[in-house]
Amino acid sequence: MPTVLLICGSLRERSLNRQAGQRAATHLAGRAQTRWLDYANLPFMNQDAEFPPPAEVRRVRAEVAAADAVWVFSPEYNHGVPGVLKNLLDWLSRPLEPGGSDTVAKGKPVALSCAGGGARARYCAADLAETLAFMQVDLVQTVHAQVALTRQDYTTDVLRLTPGEDAALALQADLLMGKLTGRLAQPLL
């Protein structure tokens, strides 16, 4: 059974995006194993410390490399990508060897979902899609599941998805599984 690594762009324990990811995981149940990436202790990207990479960077890269796919869930901070998530992506985009071009992210199937205010985190989603494309991941689709958070969501720390938002997550799960099924069905060379 394939493994999908879930990444939340917020480190907050009761993150609404983490809750969106938990719901998305139910749409993958029985078809893929899911687990969350813990990257809270990842150091800031620093090219002076890139080779050899710090132990925490090696651990995070190994988890990403071991996963068959990645699904990113991110809030929008000030019309952009949260710094902690951007830092993670910067480490994942870097070459594994000095002067090399191979990364753990290149070619990896990635789905993207964002939950934010009335604008549905559209600026963050656009920025992330551009960054992920530059990283040469295999982005599942160009229109991503986006969730509009309400005042009640924010004040209660409980995510309430509309039927349409839940259906968008289910569709994205199906698209990700379709990509994995096609990828896993290819003969190994």
N, C-alpha and C. Protein backbone atom coordinates (compact mmCIF):
# COMPACT_ATOMS: atom_id res chain seq x y z
N MET A 1 0.85 -1.18 0.00
CA MET A 1 0.00 0.00 0.00
C MET A 1 0.89 1.24 0.00
N PRO A 2 0.63 2.20 -0.86
CA PRO A 2 1.47 3.40 -0.92
C PRO A 2 1.34 4.24 0.35
N THR A 3 2.35 5.05 0.57
CA THR A 3 2.38 5.96 1.72
C THR A 3 2.29 7.39 1.23
N VAL A 4 1.37 8.15 1.83
CA VAL A 4 1.25 9.58 1.53
C VAL A 4 1.69 10.34 2.78
N LEU A 5 2.70 11.17 2.63
CA LEU A 5 3.21 11.98 3.72
C LEU A 5 2.44 13.29 3.74
N LEU A 6 1.81 13.59 4.87
CA LEU A 6 1.02 14.81 5.03
C LEU A 6 1.91 15.88 5.66
N ILE A 7 1.86 17.08 5.10
CA ILE A 7 2.64 18.20 5.61
C ILE A 7 1.70 19.35 5.89
N CYS A 8 1.76 19.86 7.11
CA CYS A 8 0.93 21.01 7.48
C CYS A 8 1.82 22.25 7.55
N GLY A 9 1.40 23.31 6.90
CA GLY A 9 2.15 24.55 6.89
C GLY A 9 2.06 25.34 8.17
N SER A 10 1.30 24.86 9.12
CA SER A 10 1.21 25.48 10.44
C SER A 10 1.66 24.46 11.47
N LEU A 11 2.47 24.90 12.41
CA LEU A 11 2.92 24.00 13.48
C LEU A 11 1.96 24.00 14.66
N ARG A 12 0.90 24.79 14.58
CA ARG A 12 -0.06 24.89 15.67
C ARG A 12 -0.77 23.55 15.86
N GLU A 13 -0.87 23.11 17.09
CA GLU A 13 -1.46 21.80 17.39
C GLU A 13 -2.88 21.66 16.86
N ARG A 14 -3.69 22.70 17.03
CA ARG A 14 -5.09 22.63 16.59
C ARG A 14 -5.29 23.34 15.25
N SER A 15 -4.28 23.35 14.44
CA SER A 15 -4.33 24.01 13.14
C SER A 15 -5.54 23.55 12.34
N LEU A 16 -6.24 24.50 11.76
CA LEU A 16 -7.39 24.17 10.92
C LEU A 16 -6.93 23.46 9.65
N ASN A 17 -5.74 23.77 9.17
CA ASN A 17 -5.20 23.06 8.01
C ASN A 17 -4.83 21.62 8.37
N ARG A 18 -4.35 21.39 9.57
CA ARG A 18 -4.10 20.02 10.02
C ARG A 18 -5.43 19.25 10.05
N GLN A 19 -6.48 19.92 10.49
CA GLN A 19 -7.80 19.27 10.51
C GLN A 19 -8.26 18.95 9.08
N ALA A 20 -7.98 19.85 8.14
CA ALA A 20 -8.31 19.56 6.74
C ALA A 20 -7.53 18.33 6.28
N GLY A 21 -6.28 18.24 6.69
CA GLY A 21 -5.46 17.08 6.34
C GLY A 21 -5.98 15.80 6.97
N GLN A 22 -6.46 15.91 8.19
CA GLN A 22 -7.04 14.73 8.85
C GLN A 22 -8.27 14.26 8.09
N ARG A 23 -9.07 15.20 7.62
CA ARG A 23 -10.25 14.83 6.83
C ARG A 23 -9.82 14.23 5.49
N ALA A 24 -8.83 14.82 4.86
CA ALA A 24 -8.34 14.28 3.58
C ALA A 24 -7.82 12.86 3.76
N ALA A 25 -7.19 12.59 4.89
CA ALA A 25 -6.67 11.24 5.16
C ALA A 25 -7.79 10.22 5.18
N THR A 26 -8.99 10.63 5.60
CA THR A 26 -10.11 9.67 5.59
C THR A 26 -10.50 9.31 4.17
N HIS A 27 -10.27 10.23 3.24
CA HIS A 27 -10.56 9.95 1.83
C HIS A 27 -9.52 9.02 1.20
N LEU A 28 -8.38 8.87 1.86
CA LEU A 28 -7.33 7.96 1.39
C LEU A 28 -7.38 6.61 2.10
N ALA A 29 -8.19 6.53 3.16
CA ALA A 29 -8.23 5.31 3.98
C ALA A 29 -8.53 4.08 3.13
N GLY A 30 -7.79 3.02 3.39
CA GLY A 30 -7.96 1.78 2.65
C GLY A 30 -7.22 1.75 1.32
N ARG A 31 -6.73 2.92 0.89
CA ARG A 31 -6.01 3.00 -0.39
C ARG A 31 -4.56 3.40 -0.20
N ALA A 32 -4.28 4.09 0.90
CA ALA A 32 -2.92 4.54 1.18
C ALA A 32 -2.74 4.69 2.68
N GLN A 33 -1.53 4.49 3.13
CA GLN A 33 -1.19 4.80 4.51
C GLN A 33 -0.81 6.28 4.55
N THR A 34 -1.18 6.94 5.64
CA THR A 34 -0.81 8.35 5.78
C THR A 34 -0.06 8.53 7.09
N ARG A 35 0.83 9.51 7.06
CA ARG A 35 1.49 9.92 8.30
C ARG A 35 1.89 11.39 8.14
N TRP A 36 2.02 12.06 9.27
CA TRP A 36 2.37 13.48 9.28
C TRP A 36 3.88 13.65 9.39
N LEU A 37 4.41 14.61 8.67
CA LEU A 37 5.81 14.97 8.79
C LEU A 37 5.98 15.93 9.95
N ASP A 38 6.85 15.60 10.88
CA ASP A 38 7.21 16.50 11.98
C ASP A 38 8.49 17.21 11.57
N TYR A 39 8.38 18.51 11.36
CA TYR A 39 9.56 19.27 10.95
C TYR A 39 9.75 20.51 11.81
N ALA A 40 9.19 20.49 13.02
CA ALA A 40 9.24 21.64 13.91
C ALA A 40 10.67 22.03 14.29
N ASN A 41 11.59 21.08 14.29
CA ASN A 41 12.97 21.37 14.70
C ASN A 41 13.93 21.55 13.53
N LEU A 42 13.39 21.73 12.34
CA LEU A 42 14.23 21.92 11.16
C LEU A 42 14.95 23.27 11.28
N PRO A 43 16.28 23.29 11.11
CA PRO A 43 16.98 24.58 11.19
C PRO A 43 16.66 25.44 9.97
N PHE A 44 16.93 26.74 10.12
CA PHE A 44 16.77 27.64 8.98
C PHE A 44 17.73 27.23 7.87
N MET A 45 17.25 27.32 6.64
CA MET A 45 18.08 27.00 5.49
C MET A 45 19.28 27.94 5.49
N ASN A 46 20.47 27.35 5.38
CA ASN A 46 21.70 28.12 5.38
C ASN A 46 22.69 27.37 4.50
N GLN A 47 23.06 27.96 3.39
CA GLN A 47 23.98 27.29 2.46
C GLN A 47 25.33 26.98 3.10
N ASP A 48 25.71 27.74 4.12
CA ASP A 48 26.97 27.45 4.81
C ASP A 48 26.90 26.13 5.58
N ALA A 49 25.69 25.68 5.91
CA ALA A 49 25.51 24.44 6.67
C ALA A 49 24.92 23.33 5.81
N GLU A 50 24.95 23.52 4.49
CA GLU A 50 24.25 22.61 3.59
C GLU A 50 24.95 21.26 3.43
N PHE A 51 26.27 21.25 3.41
CA PHE A 51 27.02 20.00 3.21
C PHE A 51 28.09 19.88 4.29
N PRO A 52 28.04 18.86 5.09
CA PRO A 52 26.97 17.86 5.13
C PRO A 52 25.74 18.47 5.79
N PRO A 53 24.55 18.01 5.39
CA PRO A 53 23.34 18.58 5.96
C PRO A 53 23.19 18.22 7.43
N PRO A 54 22.57 19.11 8.21
CA PRO A 54 22.32 18.80 9.62
C PRO A 54 21.48 17.53 9.76
N ALA A 55 21.60 16.88 10.90
CA ALA A 55 20.90 15.61 11.16
C ALA A 55 19.39 15.74 10.94
N GLU A 56 18.81 16.83 11.39
CA GLU A 56 17.35 17.00 11.25
C GLU A 56 16.96 17.12 9.78
N VAL A 57 17.78 17.74 8.98
CA VAL A 57 17.52 17.84 7.54
C VAL A 57 17.59 16.45 6.91
N ARG A 58 18.59 15.67 7.29
CA ARG A 58 18.70 14.30 6.77
C ARG A 58 17.47 13.48 7.15
N ARG A 59 16.99 13.63 8.39
CA ARG A 59 15.82 12.86 8.83
C ARG A 59 14.59 13.24 8.02
N VAL A 60 14.35 14.53 7.86
CA VAL A 60 13.18 15.01 7.11
C VAL A 60 13.27 14.57 5.65
N ARG A 61 14.43 14.71 5.05
CA ARG A 61 14.60 14.28 3.66
C ARG A 61 14.34 12.79 3.51
N ALA A 62 14.79 12.00 4.48
CA ALA A 62 14.58 10.55 4.42
C ALA A 62 13.09 10.22 4.48
N GLU A 63 12.34 10.94 5.30
CA GLU A 63 10.89 10.69 5.37
C GLU A 63 10.21 11.04 4.06
N VAL A 64 10.61 12.15 3.45
CA VAL A 64 10.02 12.55 2.17
C VAL A 64 10.40 11.54 1.09
N ALA A 65 11.66 11.12 1.08
CA ALA A 65 12.12 10.15 0.08
C ALA A 65 11.38 8.82 0.21
N ALA A 66 11.08 8.41 1.44
CA ALA A 66 10.42 7.12 1.68
C ALA A 66 8.95 7.14 1.29
N ALA A 67 8.34 8.32 1.24
CA ALA A 67 6.92 8.42 0.90
C ALA A 67 6.72 8.29 -0.61
N ASP A 68 5.60 7.70 -0.99
CA ASP A 68 5.25 7.61 -2.41
C ASP A 68 4.70 8.92 -2.93
N ALA A 69 4.11 9.72 -2.05
CA ALA A 69 3.54 11.01 -2.43
C ALA A 69 3.49 11.90 -1.20
N VAL A 70 3.26 13.18 -1.45
CA VAL A 70 3.17 14.18 -0.39
C VAL A 70 1.89 14.98 -0.62
N TRP A 71 1.21 15.33 0.48
CA TRP A 71 0.04 16.22 0.39
C TRP A 71 0.28 17.36 1.36
N VAL A 72 0.34 18.58 0.84
CA VAL A 72 0.62 19.78 1.62
C VAL A 72 -0.70 20.49 1.93
N PHE A 73 -0.86 20.87 3.20
CA PHE A 73 -2.01 21.65 3.67
C PHE A 73 -1.46 22.91 4.31
N SER A 74 -1.87 24.07 3.80
CA SER A 74 -1.24 25.28 4.30
C SER A 74 -2.21 26.42 4.52
N PRO A 75 -2.02 27.15 5.63
CA PRO A 75 -2.73 28.41 5.80
C PRO A 75 -2.02 29.50 4.99
N GLU A 76 -2.60 30.66 5.00
CA GLU A 76 -2.00 31.82 4.34
C GLU A 76 -1.65 32.83 5.41
N TYR A 77 -0.41 33.25 5.45
CA TYR A 77 0.03 34.27 6.40
C TYR A 77 0.37 35.53 5.60
N ASN A 78 -0.36 36.61 5.84
CA ASN A 78 -0.07 37.89 5.20
C ASN A 78 0.04 37.77 3.68
N HIS A 79 -0.94 37.08 3.08
CA HIS A 79 -1.00 36.86 1.63
C HIS A 79 0.16 36.02 1.11
N GLY A 80 0.72 35.17 1.94
CA GLY A 80 1.84 34.37 1.47
C GLY A 80 1.97 33.04 2.20
N VAL A 81 3.07 32.36 1.90
CA VAL A 81 3.38 31.05 2.46
C VAL A 81 3.96 31.22 3.86
N PRO A 82 3.50 30.44 4.83
CA PRO A 82 4.10 30.51 6.16
C PRO A 82 5.61 30.24 6.09
N GLY A 83 6.37 31.01 6.86
CA GLY A 83 7.83 30.89 6.83
C GLY A 83 8.33 29.50 7.14
N VAL A 84 7.70 28.82 8.08
CA VAL A 84 8.16 27.49 8.46
C VAL A 84 8.02 26.51 7.29
N LEU A 85 6.95 26.63 6.52
CA LEU A 85 6.75 25.76 5.36
C LEU A 85 7.73 26.12 4.24
N LYS A 86 7.92 27.41 4.01
CA LYS A 86 8.88 27.84 2.98
C LYS A 86 10.28 27.34 3.31
N ASN A 87 10.65 27.37 4.58
CA ASN A 87 11.95 26.86 5.00
C ASN A 87 12.07 25.37 4.69
N LEU A 88 11.03 24.61 4.98
CA LEU A 88 11.02 23.17 4.67
C LEU A 88 11.21 22.96 3.17
N LEU A 89 10.44 23.68 2.37
CA LEU A 89 10.53 23.52 0.91
C LEU A 89 11.91 23.91 0.40
N ASP A 90 12.51 24.93 1.01
CA ASP A 90 13.86 25.32 0.61
C ASP A 90 14.84 24.17 0.85
N TRP A 91 14.76 23.50 1.99
CA TRP A 91 15.64 22.37 2.26
C TRP A 91 15.36 21.22 1.29
N LEU A 92 14.09 20.96 1.00
CA LEU A 92 13.74 19.85 0.11
C LEU A 92 14.14 20.12 -1.34
N SER A 93 14.27 21.39 -1.68
CA SER A 93 14.61 21.74 -3.07
C SER A 93 16.11 21.72 -3.34
N ARG A 94 16.89 21.62 -2.30
CA ARG A 94 18.34 21.71 -2.45
C ARG A 94 18.94 20.38 -2.92
N PRO A 95 20.04 20.44 -3.67
CA PRO A 95 20.67 19.20 -4.14
C PRO A 95 21.19 18.36 -2.98
N LEU A 96 21.18 17.06 -3.20
CA LEU A 96 21.63 16.12 -2.17
C LEU A 96 23.15 16.07 -2.08
N GLU A 97 23.82 16.40 -3.17
CA GLU A 97 25.29 16.39 -3.23
C GLU A 97 25.78 17.74 -3.77
N PRO A 98 26.95 18.19 -3.33
CA PRO A 98 27.49 19.44 -3.87
C PRO A 98 27.58 19.39 -5.40
N GLY A 99 27.04 20.39 -6.05
CA GLY A 99 27.07 20.46 -7.51
C GLY A 99 26.07 19.56 -8.21
N GLY A 100 25.31 18.80 -7.45
CA GLY A 100 24.34 17.88 -8.04
C GLY A 100 23.03 18.55 -8.37
N SER A 101 22.15 17.79 -9.00
CA SER A 101 20.82 18.32 -9.33
C SER A 101 19.70 17.47 -8.74
N ASP A 102 20.03 16.30 -8.19
CA ASP A 102 19.00 15.45 -7.60
C ASP A 102 18.55 15.99 -6.25
N THR A 103 17.23 15.98 -6.05
CA THR A 103 16.65 16.37 -4.77
C THR A 103 15.64 15.30 -4.37
N VAL A 104 15.21 15.33 -3.12
CA VAL A 104 14.18 14.36 -2.70
C VAL A 104 12.82 14.75 -3.24
N ALA A 105 12.66 16.00 -3.66
CA ALA A 105 11.35 16.47 -4.12
C ALA A 105 11.13 16.25 -5.61
N LYS A 106 12.19 16.25 -6.40
CA LYS A 106 12.06 16.19 -7.85
C LYS A 106 11.28 14.94 -8.28
N GLY A 107 10.18 15.16 -9.02
CA GLY A 107 9.37 14.07 -9.53
C GLY A 107 8.38 13.47 -8.54
N LYS A 108 8.41 13.92 -7.30
CA LYS A 108 7.53 13.37 -6.26
C LYS A 108 6.10 13.86 -6.51
N PRO A 109 5.11 12.96 -6.54
CA PRO A 109 3.72 13.41 -6.65
C PRO A 109 3.33 14.24 -5.42
N VAL A 110 2.77 15.41 -5.66
CA VAL A 110 2.40 16.32 -4.58
C VAL A 110 1.01 16.87 -4.84
N ALA A 111 0.17 16.81 -3.81
CA ALA A 111 -1.14 17.46 -3.83
C ALA A 111 -1.05 18.68 -2.91
N LEU A 112 -1.86 19.68 -3.18
CA LEU A 112 -1.82 20.93 -2.43
C LEU A 112 -3.23 21.36 -2.08
N SER A 113 -3.46 21.64 -0.80
CA SER A 113 -4.74 22.17 -0.33
C SER A 113 -4.46 23.30 0.65
N CYS A 114 -5.27 24.34 0.60
CA CYS A 114 -5.08 25.48 1.48
C CYS A 114 -6.41 25.89 2.10
N ALA A 115 -6.37 26.19 3.38
CA ALA A 115 -7.55 26.71 4.08
C ALA A 115 -7.18 28.08 4.64
N GLY A 116 -8.01 29.06 4.35
CA GLY A 116 -7.77 30.42 4.82
C GLY A 116 -9.08 31.18 4.88
N GLY A 117 -9.00 32.47 5.08
CA GLY A 117 -10.20 33.29 5.21
C GLY A 117 -11.07 33.27 3.96
N GLY A 118 -11.85 34.29 3.79
CA GLY A 118 -12.79 34.34 2.68
C GLY A 118 -12.14 34.19 1.31
N ALA A 119 -10.87 34.55 1.21
CA ALA A 119 -10.14 34.42 -0.06
C ALA A 119 -9.64 33.00 -0.28
N ARG A 120 -9.92 32.11 0.67
CA ARG A 120 -9.55 30.69 0.55
C ARG A 120 -8.05 30.48 0.35
N ALA A 121 -7.25 31.37 0.94
CA ALA A 121 -5.79 31.25 0.88
C ALA A 121 -5.28 31.21 -0.57
N ARG A 122 -5.94 31.94 -1.44
CA ARG A 122 -5.59 31.86 -2.86
C ARG A 122 -4.18 32.38 -3.16
N TYR A 123 -3.71 33.37 -2.40
CA TYR A 123 -2.36 33.89 -2.66
C TYR A 123 -1.32 32.85 -2.26
N CYS A 124 -1.53 32.24 -1.12
CA CYS A 124 -0.62 31.18 -0.67
C CYS A 124 -0.64 30.01 -1.65
N ALA A 125 -1.83 29.61 -2.08
CA ALA A 125 -1.94 28.49 -3.02
C ALA A 125 -1.19 28.79 -4.31
N ALA A 126 -1.32 30.01 -4.80
CA ALA A 126 -0.62 30.38 -6.03
C ALA A 126 0.89 30.38 -5.82
N ASP A 127 1.34 30.95 -4.69
CA ASP A 127 2.78 30.96 -4.40
C ASP A 127 3.33 29.54 -4.26
N LEU A 128 2.59 28.69 -3.53
CA LEU A 128 3.05 27.32 -3.34
C LEU A 128 3.08 26.55 -4.66
N ALA A 129 2.07 26.73 -5.48
CA ALA A 129 2.05 26.04 -6.77
C ALA A 129 3.25 26.45 -7.61
N GLU A 130 3.60 27.73 -7.58
CA GLU A 130 4.76 28.21 -8.33
C GLU A 130 6.06 27.62 -7.77
N THR A 131 6.19 27.63 -6.44
CA THR A 131 7.38 27.07 -5.81
C THR A 131 7.51 25.58 -6.09
N LEU A 132 6.41 24.85 -5.96
CA LEU A 132 6.44 23.40 -6.20
C LEU A 132 6.76 23.08 -7.65
N ALA A 133 6.25 23.88 -8.57
CA ALA A 133 6.58 23.67 -9.99
C ALA A 133 8.07 23.90 -10.22
N PHE A 134 8.61 24.95 -9.61
CA PHE A 134 10.04 25.22 -9.73
C PHE A 134 10.87 24.06 -9.17
N MET A 135 10.36 23.42 -8.12
CA MET A 135 11.05 22.28 -7.50
C MET A 135 10.93 21.02 -8.35
N GLN A 136 10.16 21.09 -9.43
CA GLN A 136 9.97 19.98 -10.36
C GLN A 136 9.29 18.78 -9.71
N VAL A 137 8.33 19.06 -8.81
CA VAL A 137 7.51 17.98 -8.28
C VAL A 137 6.48 17.63 -9.33
N ASP A 138 5.80 16.51 -9.13
CA ASP A 138 4.73 16.09 -10.03
C ASP A 138 3.42 16.55 -9.40
N LEU A 139 3.06 17.82 -9.63
CA LEU A 139 1.89 18.42 -9.00
C LEU A 139 0.62 17.77 -9.54
N VAL A 140 -0.24 17.35 -8.63
CA VAL A 140 -1.41 16.56 -8.99
C VAL A 140 -2.36 17.31 -9.90
N GLN A 141 -2.60 18.56 -9.62
CA GLN A 141 -3.52 19.34 -10.46
C GLN A 141 -3.18 20.80 -10.30
N THR A 142 -3.68 21.62 -11.21
CA THR A 142 -3.39 23.04 -11.11
C THR A 142 -4.46 23.80 -10.34
N VAL A 143 -5.63 23.22 -10.18
CA VAL A 143 -6.67 23.81 -9.34
C VAL A 143 -6.71 22.97 -8.07
N HIS A 144 -6.44 23.60 -6.94
CA HIS A 144 -6.26 22.87 -5.69
C HIS A 144 -7.49 23.03 -4.79
N ALA A 145 -7.70 22.04 -3.94
CA ALA A 145 -8.81 22.12 -2.98
C ALA A 145 -8.52 23.27 -2.03
N GLN A 146 -9.41 24.23 -1.99
CA GLN A 146 -9.24 25.37 -1.11
C GLN A 146 -10.48 25.51 -0.23
N VAL A 147 -10.25 25.86 1.03
CA VAL A 147 -11.30 25.91 2.03
C VAL A 147 -11.42 27.34 2.54
N ALA A 148 -12.63 27.88 2.58
CA ALA A 148 -12.88 29.20 3.14
C ALA A 148 -13.21 29.04 4.63
N LEU A 149 -12.34 29.56 5.48
CA LEU A 149 -12.57 29.46 6.91
C LEU A 149 -13.52 30.57 7.36
N THR A 150 -14.36 30.24 8.32
CA THR A 150 -15.33 31.20 8.86
C THR A 150 -14.84 31.72 10.21
N ARG A 151 -15.48 32.78 10.67
CA ARG A 151 -15.16 33.32 11.99
C ARG A 151 -15.34 32.25 13.06
N GLN A 152 -16.38 31.43 12.89
CA GLN A 152 -16.63 30.36 13.86
C GLN A 152 -15.49 29.33 13.85
N ASP A 153 -14.96 29.01 12.68
CA ASP A 153 -13.81 28.10 12.61
C ASP A 153 -12.65 28.65 13.44
N TYR A 154 -12.37 29.94 13.25
CA TYR A 154 -11.25 30.57 13.95
C TYR A 154 -11.47 30.63 15.46
N THR A 155 -12.68 30.98 15.88
CA THR A 155 -12.92 31.16 17.32
C THR A 155 -13.06 29.84 18.07
N THR A 156 -13.47 28.79 17.39
CA THR A 156 -13.63 27.49 18.07
C THR A 156 -12.47 26.54 17.82
N ASP A 157 -11.62 26.87 16.86
CA ASP A 157 -10.53 25.97 16.45
C ASP A 157 -11.06 24.63 15.96
N VAL A 158 -12.25 24.65 15.38
CA VAL A 158 -12.86 23.44 14.82
C VAL A 158 -13.21 23.73 13.36
N LEU A 159 -12.66 22.94 12.45
CA LEU A 159 -12.92 23.12 11.02
C LEU A 159 -14.27 22.54 10.65
N ARG A 160 -15.07 23.33 9.96
CA ARG A 160 -16.36 22.88 9.45
C ARG A 160 -16.32 23.00 7.93
N LEU A 161 -16.17 21.88 7.27
CA LEU A 161 -16.14 21.88 5.81
C LEU A 161 -17.54 21.90 5.24
N THR A 162 -17.73 22.63 4.16
CA THR A 162 -19.00 22.54 3.44
C THR A 162 -18.97 21.23 2.65
N PRO A 163 -20.13 20.74 2.22
CA PRO A 163 -20.13 19.53 1.39
C PRO A 163 -19.27 19.70 0.14
N GLY A 164 -19.27 20.89 -0.45
CA GLY A 164 -18.46 21.13 -1.64
C GLY A 164 -16.96 21.08 -1.34
N GLU A 165 -16.56 21.63 -0.19
CA GLU A 165 -15.14 21.59 0.18
C GLU A 165 -14.69 20.16 0.47
N ASP A 166 -15.55 19.40 1.16
CA ASP A 166 -15.22 18.00 1.43
C ASP A 166 -15.13 17.21 0.13
N ALA A 167 -16.03 17.49 -0.80
CA ALA A 167 -16.00 16.81 -2.10
C ALA A 167 -14.72 17.17 -2.86
N ALA A 168 -14.26 18.42 -2.72
CA ALA A 168 -13.01 18.83 -3.38
C ALA A 168 -11.82 18.06 -2.81
N LEU A 169 -11.81 17.85 -1.49
CA LEU A 169 -10.75 17.05 -0.88
C LEU A 169 -10.82 15.60 -1.36
N ALA A 170 -12.04 15.07 -1.45
CA ALA A 170 -12.21 13.69 -1.93
C ALA A 170 -11.72 13.55 -3.37
N LEU A 171 -12.05 14.54 -4.20
CA LEU A 171 -11.60 14.52 -5.59
C LEU A 171 -10.07 14.59 -5.66
N GLN A 172 -9.50 15.45 -4.84
CA GLN A 172 -8.05 15.55 -4.84
C GLN A 172 -7.41 14.24 -4.38
N ALA A 173 -8.02 13.58 -3.40
CA ALA A 173 -7.52 12.26 -2.97
C ALA A 173 -7.59 11.26 -4.12
N ASP A 174 -8.68 11.29 -4.87
CA ASP A 174 -8.82 10.39 -6.02
C ASP A 174 -7.76 10.68 -7.08
N LEU A 175 -7.51 11.96 -7.34
CA LEU A 175 -6.50 12.33 -8.33
C LEU A 175 -5.11 11.91 -7.89
N LEU A 176 -4.82 12.10 -6.61
CA LEU A 176 -3.53 11.68 -6.08
C LEU A 176 -3.37 10.17 -6.18
N MET A 177 -4.41 9.43 -5.82
CA MET A 177 -4.35 7.97 -5.91
C MET A 177 -4.23 7.52 -7.37
N GLY A 178 -4.90 8.21 -8.28
CA GLY A 178 -4.77 7.88 -9.69
C GLY A 178 -3.34 8.06 -10.17
N LYS A 179 -2.71 9.12 -9.72
CA LYS A 179 -1.31 9.36 -10.08
C LYS A 179 -0.43 8.27 -9.48
N LEU A 180 -0.70 7.89 -8.24
CA LEU A 180 0.10 6.84 -7.59
C LEU A 180 -0.13 5.49 -8.24
N THR A 181 -1.36 5.20 -8.58
CA THR A 181 -1.68 3.92 -9.20
C THR A 181 -0.93 3.79 -10.52
N GLY A 182 -0.95 4.85 -11.31
CA GLY A 182 -0.22 4.84 -12.57
C GLY A 182 1.28 4.73 -12.35
N ARG A 183 1.77 5.43 -11.34
CA ARG A 183 3.20 5.42 -11.04
C ARG A 183 3.62 4.05 -10.52
N LEU A 184 2.82 3.45 -9.62
CA LEU A 184 3.19 2.18 -9.02
C LEU A 184 3.03 1.02 -9.99
N ALA A 185 2.19 1.22 -11.03
CA ALA A 185 1.96 0.15 -11.99
C ALA A 185 3.08 0.05 -13.02
N GLN A 186 3.93 1.06 -13.09
CA GLN A 186 5.02 1.04 -14.07
C GLN A 186 6.07 0.02 -13.65
N PRO A 187 6.62 -0.72 -14.61
CA PRO A 187 7.65 -1.70 -14.25
C PRO A 187 8.91 -1.00 -13.77
N LEU A 188 9.58 -1.62 -12.82
CA LEU A 188 10.85 -1.09 -12.34
C LEU A 188 11.93 -1.41 -13.36
N LEU A 189 12.77 -0.47 -13.64
CA LEU A 189 13.86 -0.67 -14.61
C LEU A 189 15.15 -1.03 -13.90
